[in-house]
Amino acid sequence: YAMLTTVPTYSLLYYPIAKVLTRKNLLSIAVEFRGVMSRELHMVRRDSKKFEDKLRVDVPYIDKMYLREVMSSGKTYRVYYEDPKDVDVVLNELESLGDVGLDIIQLSVFKSRSTIYVVTEARVGVVRTIYRLINTIYAKVK
């Protein structure tokens, strides 16, 4: 599925408040695969407390996973993982994309659902890049 969440720019009252609170247009894409995923990985931007709290609700055993903080494209991420090789795979794929304007907030690989879920800031032309990233991660992490 894909979901676009936008800030209501037409509202003269809400828009200035949204800008002050740094609300952004978000694009969420989840792809469910038929194959079985053998490991799990969750990467959340460090300054996105809301997404990390939601992840803790969705993955109650997250505290039993390994935790590592990494830098990618000038942003710090908290990565919860089962296999350290997966962290390197994801970071290499993000670095190989270069500067395409992909501003990832959350990237999750759910073993139980065979799903890869990505949340980014919505920008023109990022959908194809996100699907390429998801397919590459699936091929290397499964």
C-alpha atoms as a PDB file:
ATOM      1  CA  TYR A   1       0.000   0.000   0.000  1.00  0.00           C
ATOM      2  CA  ALA A   2       0.973   3.623  -0.325  1.00  0.00           C
ATOM      3  CA  MET A   3      -0.301   6.535   1.758  1.00  0.00           C
ATOM      4  CA  LEU A   4       0.327  10.249   1.342  1.00  0.00           C
ATOM      5  CA  THR A   5      -0.250  12.392   4.444  1.00  0.00           C
ATOM      6  CA  THR A   6      -0.258  16.099   3.716  1.00  0.00           C
ATOM      7  CA  VAL A   7      -0.234  19.245   5.817  1.00  0.00           C
ATOM      8  CA  PRO A   8      -3.409  21.259   5.122  1.00  0.00           C
ATOM      9  CA  THR A   9      -1.814  24.245   3.395  1.00  0.00           C
ATOM     10  CA  TYR A  10      -5.216  25.708   2.575  1.00  0.00           C
ATOM     11  CA  SER A  11      -5.951  26.443   6.239  1.00  0.00           C
ATOM     12  CA  LEU A  12      -4.871  29.941   7.204  1.00  0.00           C
ATOM     13  CA  LEU A  13      -5.054  29.046  10.897  1.00  0.00           C
ATOM     14  CA  TYR A  14      -3.435  25.629  10.935  1.00  0.00           C
ATOM     15  CA  TYR A  15      -0.660  26.051   8.354  1.00  0.00           C
ATOM     16  CA  PRO A  16       1.486  28.530  10.350  1.00  0.00           C
ATOM     17  CA  ILE A  17       1.159  26.311  13.420  1.00  0.00           C
ATOM     18  CA  ALA A  18       2.112  23.255  11.363  1.00  0.00           C
ATOM     19  CA  LYS A  19       5.202  25.041  10.058  1.00  0.00           C
ATOM     20  CA  VAL A  20       6.267  25.975  13.591  1.00  0.00           C
ATOM     21  CA  LEU A  21       5.724  22.369  14.742  1.00  0.00           C
ATOM     22  CA  THR A  22       7.711  21.170  11.689  1.00  0.00           C
ATOM     23  CA  ARG A  23       4.886  19.092  10.279  1.00  0.00           C
ATOM     24  CA  LYS A  24       5.762  17.678   6.863  1.00  0.00           C
ATOM     25  CA  ASN A  25       4.076  15.897   4.010  1.00  0.00           C
ATOM     26  CA  LEU A  26       4.812  12.177   4.435  1.00  0.00           C
ATOM     27  CA  LEU A  27       4.791   9.281   2.006  1.00  0.00           C
ATOM     28  CA  SER A  28       4.416   5.792   3.480  1.00  0.00           C
ATOM     29  CA  ILE A  29       4.907   2.724   1.292  1.00  0.00           C
ATOM     30  CA  ALA A  30       4.574  -0.889   2.439  1.00  0.00           C
ATOM     31  CA  VAL A  31       5.242  -3.843   0.166  1.00  0.00           C
ATOM     32  CA  GLU A  32       4.311  -7.372   1.206  1.00  0.00           C
ATOM     33  CA  PHE A  33       6.320 -10.159  -0.399  1.00  0.00           C
ATOM     34  CA  ARG A  34       5.306 -13.782  -0.922  1.00  0.00           C
ATOM     35  CA  GLY A  35       8.689 -15.080   0.163  1.00  0.00           C
ATOM     36  CA  VAL A  36       9.644 -15.561   3.785  1.00  0.00           C
ATOM     37  CA  MET A  37      11.935 -13.072   5.486  1.00  0.00           C
ATOM     38  CA  SER A  38      14.392 -14.658   7.873  1.00  0.00           C
ATOM     39  CA  ARG A  39      15.463 -11.563   9.826  1.00  0.00           C
ATOM     40  CA  GLU A  40      14.070  -8.279  11.039  1.00  0.00           C
ATOM     41  CA  LEU A  41      15.462  -4.748  10.897  1.00  0.00           C
ATOM     42  CA  HIS A  42      14.059  -1.354  11.884  1.00  0.00           C
ATOM     43  CA  MET A  43      15.710   1.977  11.166  1.00  0.00           C
ATOM     44  CA  VAL A  44      14.193   5.165  12.622  1.00  0.00           C
ATOM     45  CA  ARG A  45      15.499   8.698  12.424  1.00  0.00           C
ATOM     46  CA  ARG A  46      16.759   9.669  15.863  1.00  0.00           C
ATOM     47  CA  ASP A  47      14.743  12.897  16.079  1.00  0.00           C
ATOM     48  CA  SER A  48      11.441  11.153  15.165  1.00  0.00           C
ATOM     49  CA  LYS A  49      10.113  10.228  18.592  1.00  0.00           C
ATOM     50  CA  LYS A  50       6.579   9.693  17.267  1.00  0.00           C
ATOM     51  CA  PHE A  51       7.720   7.026  14.801  1.00  0.00           C
ATOM     52  CA  GLU A  52       9.919   5.276  17.358  1.00  0.00           C
ATOM     53  CA  ASP A  53       7.040   5.129  19.852  1.00  0.00           C
ATOM     54  CA  LYS A  54       4.752   3.655  17.174  1.00  0.00           C
ATOM     55  CA  LEU A  55       7.439   1.124  16.282  1.00  0.00           C
ATOM     56  CA  ARG A  56       7.693   0.048  19.931  1.00  0.00           C
ATOM     57  CA  VAL A  57       3.939  -0.631  19.901  1.00  0.00           C
ATOM     58  CA  ASP A  58       4.120  -2.576  16.609  1.00  0.00           C
ATOM     59  CA  VAL A  59       7.214  -4.580  17.654  1.00  0.00           C
ATOM     60  CA  PRO A  60       6.933  -5.390  21.382  1.00  0.00           C
ATOM     61  CA  TYR A  61      10.185  -7.412  21.372  1.00  0.00           C
ATOM     62  CA  ILE A  62      12.267  -4.543  19.976  1.00  0.00           C
ATOM     63  CA  ASP A  63      14.227  -4.200  23.237  1.00  0.00           C
ATOM     64  CA  LYS A  64      15.584  -7.732  22.694  1.00  0.00           C
ATOM     65  CA  MET A  65      17.093  -6.726  19.344  1.00  0.00           C
ATOM     66  CA  TYR A  66      20.557  -5.225  18.916  1.00  0.00           C
ATOM     67  CA  LEU A  67      20.696  -1.420  18.737  1.00  0.00           C
ATOM     68  CA  ARG A  68      23.172   0.722  16.835  1.00  0.00           C
ATOM     69  CA  GLU A  69      23.202   4.404  15.911  1.00  0.00           C
ATOM     70  CA  VAL A  70      24.385   5.158  12.390  1.00  0.00           C
ATOM     71  CA  MET A  71      24.806   8.216  10.161  1.00  0.00           C
ATOM     72  CA  SER A  72      23.461   8.362   6.629  1.00  0.00           C
ATOM     73  CA  SER A  73      23.140  11.478   4.467  1.00  0.00           C
ATOM     74  CA  GLY A  74      23.918  13.682   7.453  1.00  0.00           C
ATOM     75  CA  LYS A  75      21.123  12.250   9.611  1.00  0.00           C
ATOM     76  CA  THR A  76      21.416   9.986  12.655  1.00  0.00           C
ATOM     77  CA  TYR A  77      19.331   6.821  12.745  1.00  0.00           C
ATOM     78  CA  ARG A  78      18.650   4.264  15.457  1.00  0.00           C
ATOM     79  CA  VAL A  79      18.821   0.792  13.911  1.00  0.00           C
ATOM     80  CA  TYR A  80      17.316  -2.240  15.640  1.00  0.00           C
ATOM     81  CA  TYR A  81      18.517  -5.445  14.019  1.00  0.00           C
ATOM     82  CA  GLU A  82      19.089  -9.185  14.367  1.00  0.00           C
ATOM     83  CA  ASP A  83      22.075  -9.555  12.010  1.00  0.00           C
ATOM     84  CA  PRO A  84      24.787  -6.862  11.711  1.00  0.00           C
ATOM     85  CA  LYS A  85      25.208  -7.629   7.987  1.00  0.00           C
ATOM     86  CA  ASP A  86      21.700  -6.281   7.370  1.00  0.00           C
ATOM     87  CA  VAL A  87      22.647  -2.863   8.749  1.00  0.00           C
ATOM     88  CA  ASP A  88      25.553  -2.668   6.314  1.00  0.00           C
ATOM     89  CA  VAL A  89      23.320  -3.750   3.415  1.00  0.00           C
ATOM     90  CA  VAL A  90      20.766  -1.020   4.143  1.00  0.00           C
ATOM     91  CA  LEU A  91      23.408   1.670   4.650  1.00  0.00           C
ATOM     92  CA  ASN A  92      25.211   0.697   1.433  1.00  0.00           C
ATOM     93  CA  GLU A  93      21.942   0.830  -0.510  1.00  0.00           C
ATOM     94  CA  LEU A  94      21.092   4.256   0.910  1.00  0.00           C
ATOM     95  CA  GLU A  95      24.561   5.561   0.074  1.00  0.00           C
ATOM     96  CA  SER A  96      24.380   4.117  -3.454  1.00  0.00           C
ATOM     97  CA  LEU A  97      21.222   6.120  -4.141  1.00  0.00           C
ATOM     98  CA  GLY A  98      23.264   9.288  -3.860  1.00  0.00           C
ATOM     99  CA  ASP A  99      21.553  12.628  -3.582  1.00  0.00           C
ATOM    100  CA  VAL A 100      18.102  11.900  -5.013  1.00  0.00           C
ATOM    101  CA  GLY A 101      16.232  13.791  -2.306  1.00  0.00           C
ATOM    102  CA  LEU A 102      15.146  10.665  -0.450  1.00  0.00           C
ATOM    103  CA  ASP A 103      14.685  11.733   3.166  1.00  0.00           C
ATOM    104  CA  ILE A 104      13.895   8.510   5.032  1.00  0.00           C
ATOM    105  CA  ILE A 105      12.228   8.765   8.421  1.00  0.00           C
ATOM    106  CA  GLN A 106      11.597   5.046   9.001  1.00  0.00           C
ATOM    107  CA  LEU A 107      12.545   1.838   7.219  1.00  0.00           C
ATOM    108  CA  SER A 108      11.325  -1.470   8.637  1.00  0.00           C
ATOM    109  CA  VAL A 109      11.662  -5.084   7.549  1.00  0.00           C
ATOM    110  CA  PHE A 110       8.951  -7.132   9.275  1.00  0.00           C
ATOM    111  CA  LYS A 111       9.748 -10.843   9.392  1.00  0.00           C
ATOM    112  CA  SER A 112       6.304 -11.911  10.639  1.00  0.00           C
ATOM    113  CA  ARG A 113       4.460 -10.155   7.782  1.00  0.00           C
ATOM    114  CA  SER A 114       7.136 -10.461   5.053  1.00  0.00           C
ATOM    115  CA  THR A 115       6.774  -6.726   4.589  1.00  0.00           C
ATOM    116  CA  ILE A 116       9.121  -3.822   4.017  1.00  0.00           C
ATOM    117  CA  TYR A 117       7.764  -0.459   5.158  1.00  0.00           C
ATOM    118  CA  VAL A 118       9.294   2.927   4.304  1.00  0.00           C
ATOM    119  CA  VAL A 119       8.259   6.410   5.468  1.00  0.00           C
ATOM    120  CA  THR A 120       9.845   9.415   3.760  1.00  0.00           C
ATOM    121  CA  GLU A 121       9.177  13.083   3.350  1.00  0.00           C
ATOM    122  CA  ALA A 122       6.962  13.404   0.283  1.00  0.00           C
ATOM    123  CA  ARG A 123       8.757  14.867  -2.711  1.00  0.00           C
ATOM    124  CA  VAL A 124       8.198  14.687  -6.429  1.00  0.00           C
ATOM    125  CA  GLY A 125       9.865  11.717  -8.102  1.00  0.00           C
ATOM    126  CA  VAL A 126      10.787   9.585  -5.059  1.00  0.00           C
ATOM    127  CA  VAL A 127       8.287   6.743  -5.506  1.00  0.00           C
ATOM    128  CA  ARG A 128      10.308   4.875  -8.133  1.00  0.00           C
ATOM    129  CA  THR A 129      13.465   5.249  -6.016  1.00  0.00           C
ATOM    130  CA  ILE A 130      11.665   3.906  -2.936  1.00  0.00           C
ATOM    131  CA  TYR A 131      10.401   0.840  -4.808  1.00  0.00           C
ATOM    132  CA  ARG A 132      13.891   0.189  -6.176  1.00  0.00           C
ATOM    133  CA  LEU A 133      15.284   0.474  -2.629  1.00  0.00           C
ATOM    134  CA  ILE A 134      12.621  -1.884  -1.235  1.00  0.00           C
ATOM    135  CA  ASN A 135      13.227  -4.527  -3.926  1.00  0.00           C
ATOM    136  CA  THR A 136      17.000  -4.365  -3.455  1.00  0.00           C
ATOM    137  CA  ILE A 137      16.737  -4.689   0.322  1.00  0.00           C
ATOM    138  CA  TYR A 138      14.339  -7.630  -0.057  1.00  0.00           C
ATOM    139  CA  ALA A 139      16.740  -9.404  -2.410  1.00  0.00           C
ATOM    140  CA  LYS A 140      19.661  -8.983   0.003  1.00  0.00           C
ATOM    141  CA  VAL A 141      17.994  -9.397   3.406  1.00  0.00           C
ATOM    142  CA  LYS A 142      15.558 -12.273   2.823  1.00  0.00           C
END
